[in-house]
Amino acid sequence: MSPDTGIMRRKFKFIVQITVIAILIVIIVVVWSSRLRKQKSKENIFAIDLYDDEYDENKRLKSMMAKDMDRHAAFKHLNMIGMPEKTRKVPPKPPVPEIFIQNNPPIVLSDQIYLEAKDVICKDDQRVGYQHDGGYNVCLSPPMKLKKPCVEIIGCLMMQYLKSTNRKIDYVKFDIEYNEWAVLQAIFEEGSLESVKQLGFEIHINEYFRIHKLNFRTTKEDFIFMYKTLEILKKLNFRKFNYRLNPFGEYKSKVTGKTRSHSYELFYINMNLVPSNYTVKVKYSKPRNFA
């Protein structure tokens, strides 16, 4: 082996040693720096480095708040279990009942108290149209509110429409001057009220014909027939929420000597179409003429 070869080997070995030492120094510095960063991150966030002349606590807090806001923005569409906000189902608020059901006691048939006793009380009860004869009362408490469009059907077409449609009908009203008794009987026979939410009509007794100078008088049998007809509405779960005595139909009864009216407007709700959570039971309240 020549002297030159031995010198080259020693130089190569020296370079290798220096390289290894340099690599070890770099590794030690990296590990030490990493541990130092972790240690500083665990320190009190309010600790102040007194040897750092450029330290700004307000700037540091603002930086932390900005990071928190960015983190919140990234996860604001996620709920607690990580589901997207659009798929989250929020349960609807329970309705506040506005239809109050009264437990009415038996009423004397010979008195007009029967016509003036309300089965239910509608909190949002409004008079629509004329405030006197020709208008009608509507219950607007949920879920009985009226919907557009409003379609007016007159005469015999009403009977055909009730029989043929499968749609829910918000309101049916008729005032046909004593013919309501025959129409009610026909409606009951055809079962046309299943889809009707509210029903309003005016009833008349035989004294109504006095305006035509016909001296008819309502007998006991007539009253019983009319009573039984109106009771069919109860069997169909229609409940009276209001009435209106027609002041133009007042007359003096020859039997009781009291002032009566031969015409009454009656307004009903179809309770079959009112969910139970929209109603609440209340104590019976006496009609205004109750003695």
Protein backbone atom coordinates (compact mmCIF):
# COMPACT_ATOMS: atom_id res chain seq x y z
CA MET A 1 0.00 0.00 0.00
CA SER A 2 1.41 3.37 -1.01
CA PRO A 3 1.60 6.33 1.42
CA ASP A 4 -0.87 8.27 -0.73
CA THR A 5 -3.53 5.57 -0.35
CA GLY A 6 -3.21 5.61 3.47
CA ILE A 7 -3.62 9.38 3.57
CA MET A 8 -6.76 9.20 1.38
CA ARG A 9 -8.33 6.62 3.66
CA ARG A 10 -7.66 8.69 6.77
CA LYS A 11 -9.19 11.74 5.11
CA PHE A 12 -12.29 9.75 4.05
CA LYS A 13 -12.72 8.35 7.57
CA PHE A 14 -12.40 11.83 9.04
CA ILE A 15 -15.06 13.21 6.67
CA VAL A 16 -17.43 10.36 7.52
CA GLN A 17 -16.98 10.99 11.24
CA ILE A 18 -17.61 14.73 10.83
CA THR A 19 -20.75 14.00 8.79
CA VAL A 20 -22.11 11.57 11.37
CA ILE A 21 -21.45 14.06 14.19
CA ALA A 22 -23.21 16.81 12.19
CA ILE A 23 -26.24 14.60 11.59
CA LEU A 24 -26.42 13.72 15.29
CA ILE A 25 -26.22 17.40 16.22
CA VAL A 26 -29.08 18.20 13.82
CA ILE A 27 -31.23 15.39 15.25
CA ILE A 28 -30.55 16.56 18.82
CA VAL A 29 -31.49 20.17 17.94
CA VAL A 30 -34.72 19.09 16.22
CA VAL A 31 -35.81 16.87 19.13
CA TRP A 32 -34.95 19.55 21.68
CA SER A 33 -36.84 22.22 19.73
CA SER A 34 -39.91 19.97 19.46
CA ARG A 35 -39.94 19.28 23.19
CA LEU A 36 -39.48 22.97 23.93
CA ARG A 37 -42.50 23.88 21.76
CA LYS A 38 -44.67 21.27 23.49
CA GLN A 39 -43.61 22.53 26.88
CA LYS A 40 -44.46 26.13 25.97
CA SER A 41 -47.87 25.08 24.64
CA LYS A 42 -48.71 23.56 28.04
CA GLU A 43 -47.75 26.69 29.92
CA ASN A 44 -50.35 29.11 31.30
CA ILE A 45 -51.83 31.11 28.41
CA PHE A 46 -51.52 34.22 30.51
CA ALA A 47 -47.80 33.67 31.32
CA ILE A 48 -45.63 36.54 30.13
CA ASP A 49 -42.07 36.21 28.91
CA LEU A 50 -40.42 39.10 30.73
CA TYR A 51 -37.34 38.81 28.54
CA ASP A 52 -39.24 39.31 25.30
CA ASP A 53 -39.40 43.00 24.56
CA GLU A 54 -41.81 42.45 21.62
CA TYR A 55 -44.42 40.50 23.63
CA ASP A 56 -48.02 41.78 23.10
CA GLU A 57 -50.70 40.04 25.22
CA ASN A 58 -53.63 41.64 23.34
CA LYS A 59 -52.22 40.53 20.01
CA ARG A 60 -51.77 36.99 21.30
CA LEU A 61 -55.37 36.82 22.62
CA LYS A 62 -56.75 38.16 19.35
CA SER A 63 -54.81 35.50 17.48
CA MET A 64 -56.27 32.77 19.72
CA MET A 65 -59.80 34.12 19.25
CA ALA A 66 -59.32 34.15 15.48
CA LYS A 67 -58.28 30.50 15.57
CA ASP A 68 -61.33 29.60 17.69
CA MET A 69 -63.62 31.38 15.25
CA ASP A 70 -62.09 29.52 12.32
CA ARG A 71 -62.60 26.24 14.17
CA HIS A 72 -66.20 27.13 14.94
CA ALA A 73 -66.87 28.07 11.31
CA ALA A 74 -65.51 24.71 10.18
CA PHE A 75 -67.91 22.78 12.42
CA LYS A 76 -70.94 25.08 12.62
CA HIS A 77 -72.92 22.81 10.26
CA LEU A 78 -72.38 19.76 12.45
CA ASN A 79 -74.47 18.81 15.45
CA MET A 80 -73.31 17.02 18.56
CA ILE A 81 -73.19 13.62 16.88
CA GLY A 82 -71.57 14.92 13.72
CA MET A 83 -74.68 14.92 11.52
CA PRO A 84 -75.10 17.72 8.94
CA GLU A 85 -77.44 20.49 10.11
CA LYS A 86 -79.74 20.02 7.11
CA THR A 87 -80.53 16.44 8.14
CA ARG A 88 -81.19 17.36 11.77
CA LYS A 89 -84.90 16.98 12.63
CA VAL A 90 -86.22 19.52 15.12
CA PRO A 91 -89.49 18.38 16.75
CA PRO A 92 -92.35 20.84 16.09
CA LYS A 93 -93.69 22.91 18.95
CA PRO A 94 -96.92 21.52 20.42
CA PRO A 95 -99.97 23.61 19.46
CA VAL A 96 -101.64 25.87 22.01
CA PRO A 97 -105.28 24.66 22.23
CA GLU A 98 -107.81 27.32 21.24
CA ILE A 99 -110.92 25.13 20.99
CA PHE A 100 -112.51 24.49 24.38
CA ILE A 101 -114.92 21.58 24.77
CA GLN A 102 -117.78 22.04 27.24
CA ASN A 103 -119.45 19.16 29.03
CA ASN A 104 -123.03 20.40 28.73
CA PRO A 105 -125.71 18.99 31.04
CA PRO A 106 -129.10 17.83 29.70
CA ILE A 107 -131.17 20.80 28.53
CA VAL A 108 -134.96 21.22 28.78
CA LEU A 109 -136.34 20.68 25.31
CA SER A 110 -139.20 23.15 25.69
CA ASP A 111 -136.80 26.07 26.18
CA GLN A 112 -134.72 27.85 23.55
CA ILE A 113 -131.75 27.27 25.84
CA TYR A 114 -131.10 24.23 23.65
CA LEU A 115 -130.33 26.46 20.68
CA GLU A 116 -128.17 28.85 22.69
CA ALA A 117 -125.99 26.24 24.41
CA LYS A 118 -122.49 26.06 22.94
CA ASP A 119 -120.83 22.66 22.82
CA VAL A 120 -117.39 24.16 22.16
CA ILE A 121 -115.90 27.62 22.52
CA CYS A 122 -113.69 28.87 19.71
CA LYS A 123 -111.14 31.41 20.91
CA ASP A 124 -110.84 33.05 17.50
CA ASP A 125 -114.54 33.32 16.58
CA GLN A 126 -115.19 36.00 13.96
CA ARG A 127 -118.25 37.34 12.20
CA VAL A 128 -117.68 37.37 8.43
CA GLY A 129 -119.66 39.36 5.89
CA TYR A 130 -122.60 41.33 7.20
CA GLN A 131 -122.55 41.83 10.95
CA HIS A 132 -126.31 41.26 11.05
CA ASP A 133 -128.61 39.15 8.90
CA GLY A 134 -126.65 37.63 6.00
CA GLY A 135 -123.32 37.26 7.77
CA TYR A 136 -121.96 34.15 9.44
CA ASN A 137 -119.56 33.15 12.20
CA VAL A 138 -116.29 31.36 11.45
CA CYS A 139 -113.92 29.62 13.84
CA LEU A 140 -110.40 30.65 12.84
CA SER A 141 -108.61 28.87 15.66
CA PRO A 142 -106.13 26.19 14.55
CA PRO A 143 -106.61 23.89 12.72
CA MET A 144 -109.87 25.37 11.37
CA LYS A 145 -108.48 28.39 9.52
CA LEU A 146 -109.88 29.10 6.08
CA LYS A 147 -107.75 28.61 2.98
CA LYS A 148 -107.81 30.30 -0.40
CA PRO A 149 -109.35 30.20 -2.93
CA CYS A 150 -112.93 30.67 -1.67
CA VAL A 151 -115.46 29.00 -3.98
CA GLU A 152 -119.13 29.97 -3.73
CA ILE A 153 -121.59 27.27 -4.79
CA ILE A 154 -125.28 28.14 -4.83
CA GLY A 155 -128.46 26.08 -4.68
CA CYS A 156 -128.65 22.48 -5.79
CA LEU A 157 -125.06 22.61 -7.04
CA MET A 158 -123.97 22.58 -3.40
CA MET A 159 -125.54 19.17 -2.86
CA GLN A 160 -123.85 17.80 -5.99
CA TYR A 161 -120.47 19.26 -4.98
CA LEU A 162 -120.63 17.81 -1.47
CA LYS A 163 -121.48 14.41 -2.88
CA SER A 164 -118.80 14.35 -5.59
CA THR A 165 -115.71 15.97 -4.04
CA ASN A 166 -113.03 14.21 -2.01
CA ARG A 167 -111.40 17.47 -0.92
CA LYS A 168 -111.63 18.93 2.56
CA ILE A 169 -114.15 21.78 2.54
CA ASP A 170 -113.40 24.60 4.96
CA TYR A 171 -116.92 25.98 5.27
CA VAL A 172 -120.47 25.25 4.11
CA LYS A 173 -123.22 27.81 4.71
CA PHE A 174 -126.83 27.91 3.63
CA ASP A 175 -129.90 29.99 4.48
CA ILE A 176 -132.85 28.62 2.54
CA GLU A 177 -135.91 29.79 4.52
CA TYR A 178 -137.29 26.67 6.23
CA ASN A 179 -136.02 24.28 3.54
CA GLU A 180 -132.98 23.57 5.71
CA TRP A 181 -134.82 20.69 7.39
CA ALA A 182 -135.24 18.81 4.10
CA VAL A 183 -131.66 19.62 3.03
CA LEU A 184 -130.22 18.39 6.34
CA GLN A 185 -132.13 15.13 6.02
CA ALA A 186 -130.79 14.65 2.49
CA ILE A 187 -127.21 15.45 3.57
CA PHE A 188 -127.44 12.95 6.41
CA GLU A 189 -128.73 10.23 4.11
CA GLU A 190 -125.93 10.81 1.59
CA GLY A 191 -123.18 11.17 4.20
CA SER A 192 -121.95 14.36 2.56
CA LEU A 193 -120.52 16.08 5.65
CA GLU A 194 -117.47 13.89 6.25
CA SER A 195 -115.11 16.31 4.49
CA VAL A 196 -116.75 19.52 5.80
CA LYS A 197 -114.80 21.31 8.54
CA GLN A 198 -117.41 23.93 9.50
CA LEU A 199 -121.14 24.17 8.91
CA GLY A 200 -123.37 27.23 9.25
CA PHE A 201 -127.07 27.50 8.53
CA GLU A 202 -130.22 29.26 9.72
CA ILE A 203 -133.14 27.27 11.08
CA HIS A 204 -136.75 28.39 10.94
CA ILE A 205 -139.89 27.22 12.70
CA ASN A 206 -143.48 27.51 11.48
CA GLU A 207 -143.93 30.98 12.94
CA TYR A 208 -141.52 32.16 10.23
CA PHE A 209 -144.41 32.07 7.74
CA ARG A 210 -146.12 34.91 9.61
CA ILE A 211 -144.05 37.27 7.48
CA HIS A 212 -146.11 35.89 4.57
CA LYS A 213 -149.30 36.44 6.63
CA LEU A 214 -149.70 32.70 7.21
CA ASN A 215 -150.71 32.00 10.79
CA PHE A 216 -148.82 28.70 11.24
CA ARG A 217 -147.91 27.46 14.68
CA THR A 218 -145.13 25.03 15.59
CA THR A 219 -146.49 21.99 17.40
CA LYS A 220 -144.81 19.77 19.95
CA GLU A 221 -144.30 17.14 17.25
CA ASP A 222 -142.59 19.75 15.05
CA PHE A 223 -140.19 20.70 17.84
CA ILE A 224 -139.35 17.04 18.47
CA PHE A 225 -138.65 16.48 14.76
CA MET A 226 -136.38 19.54 14.63
CA TYR A 227 -134.62 18.52 17.83
CA LYS A 228 -133.93 15.00 16.52
CA THR A 229 -132.65 16.43 13.23
CA LEU A 230 -130.14 18.68 15.01
CA GLU A 231 -129.11 15.82 17.29
CA ILE A 232 -127.99 13.86 14.22
CA LEU A 233 -125.27 16.49 13.82
CA LYS A 234 -124.02 15.59 17.30
CA LYS A 235 -123.96 11.92 16.38
CA LEU A 236 -121.79 12.89 13.40
CA ASN A 237 -119.50 14.66 15.91
CA PHE A 238 -120.43 18.18 14.83
CA ARG A 239 -120.34 20.55 17.80
CA LYS A 240 -121.97 23.98 18.00
CA PHE A 241 -119.51 26.81 18.62
CA ASN A 242 -121.90 29.75 18.21
CA TYR A 243 -125.42 30.87 17.40
CA ARG A 244 -127.23 34.08 16.54
CA LEU A 245 -130.85 34.92 17.27
CA ASN A 246 -132.43 36.74 14.35
CA PRO A 247 -134.02 39.86 15.90
CA PHE A 248 -136.24 40.33 12.84
CA GLY A 249 -137.93 37.02 13.65
CA GLU A 250 -139.11 37.86 17.16
CA TYR A 251 -142.67 36.97 18.19
CA LYS A 252 -144.56 36.41 21.43
CA SER A 253 -145.26 32.78 22.25
CA LYS A 254 -148.94 32.05 22.99
CA VAL A 255 -147.88 29.10 25.18
CA THR A 256 -145.21 30.65 27.43
CA GLY A 257 -145.91 34.33 26.88
CA LYS A 258 -142.18 34.88 26.29
CA THR A 259 -140.59 36.67 23.37
CA ARG A 260 -139.06 34.15 20.98
CA SER A 261 -137.50 34.20 17.54
CA HIS A 262 -138.59 31.98 14.68
CA SER A 263 -135.10 32.08 13.16
CA TYR A 264 -131.71 31.09 14.57
CA GLU A 265 -128.31 30.91 12.92
CA LEU A 266 -126.31 27.88 14.13
CA PHE A 267 -122.60 27.28 13.57
CA TYR A 268 -120.82 23.92 13.96
CA ILE A 269 -117.31 22.45 13.91
CA ASN A 270 -116.60 18.95 12.63
CA MET A 271 -114.63 17.56 15.59
CA ASN A 272 -113.62 14.52 13.54
CA LEU A 273 -111.19 16.84 11.74
CA VAL A 274 -109.78 18.45 14.90
CA PRO A 275 -106.83 16.56 16.50
CA SER A 276 -107.17 16.12 20.26
CA ASN A 277 -104.03 18.17 20.97
CA TYR A 278 -105.83 21.24 19.56
CA THR A 279 -108.61 21.03 22.17
CA VAL A 280 -109.00 21.24 25.93
CA LYS A 281 -111.98 20.43 28.14
CA VAL A 282 -113.48 23.21 30.27
CA LYS A 283 -116.33 23.65 32.72
CA TYR A 284 -119.85 24.28 31.44
CA SER A 285 -120.85 27.95 31.13
CA LYS A 286 -124.53 28.85 31.21
CA PRO A 287 -126.16 30.56 28.20
CA ARG A 288 -127.25 34.16 28.68
CA ASN A 289 -130.97 33.30 29.06
CA PHE A 290 -130.43 30.51 31.58
CA ALA A 291 -132.61 30.97 34.67
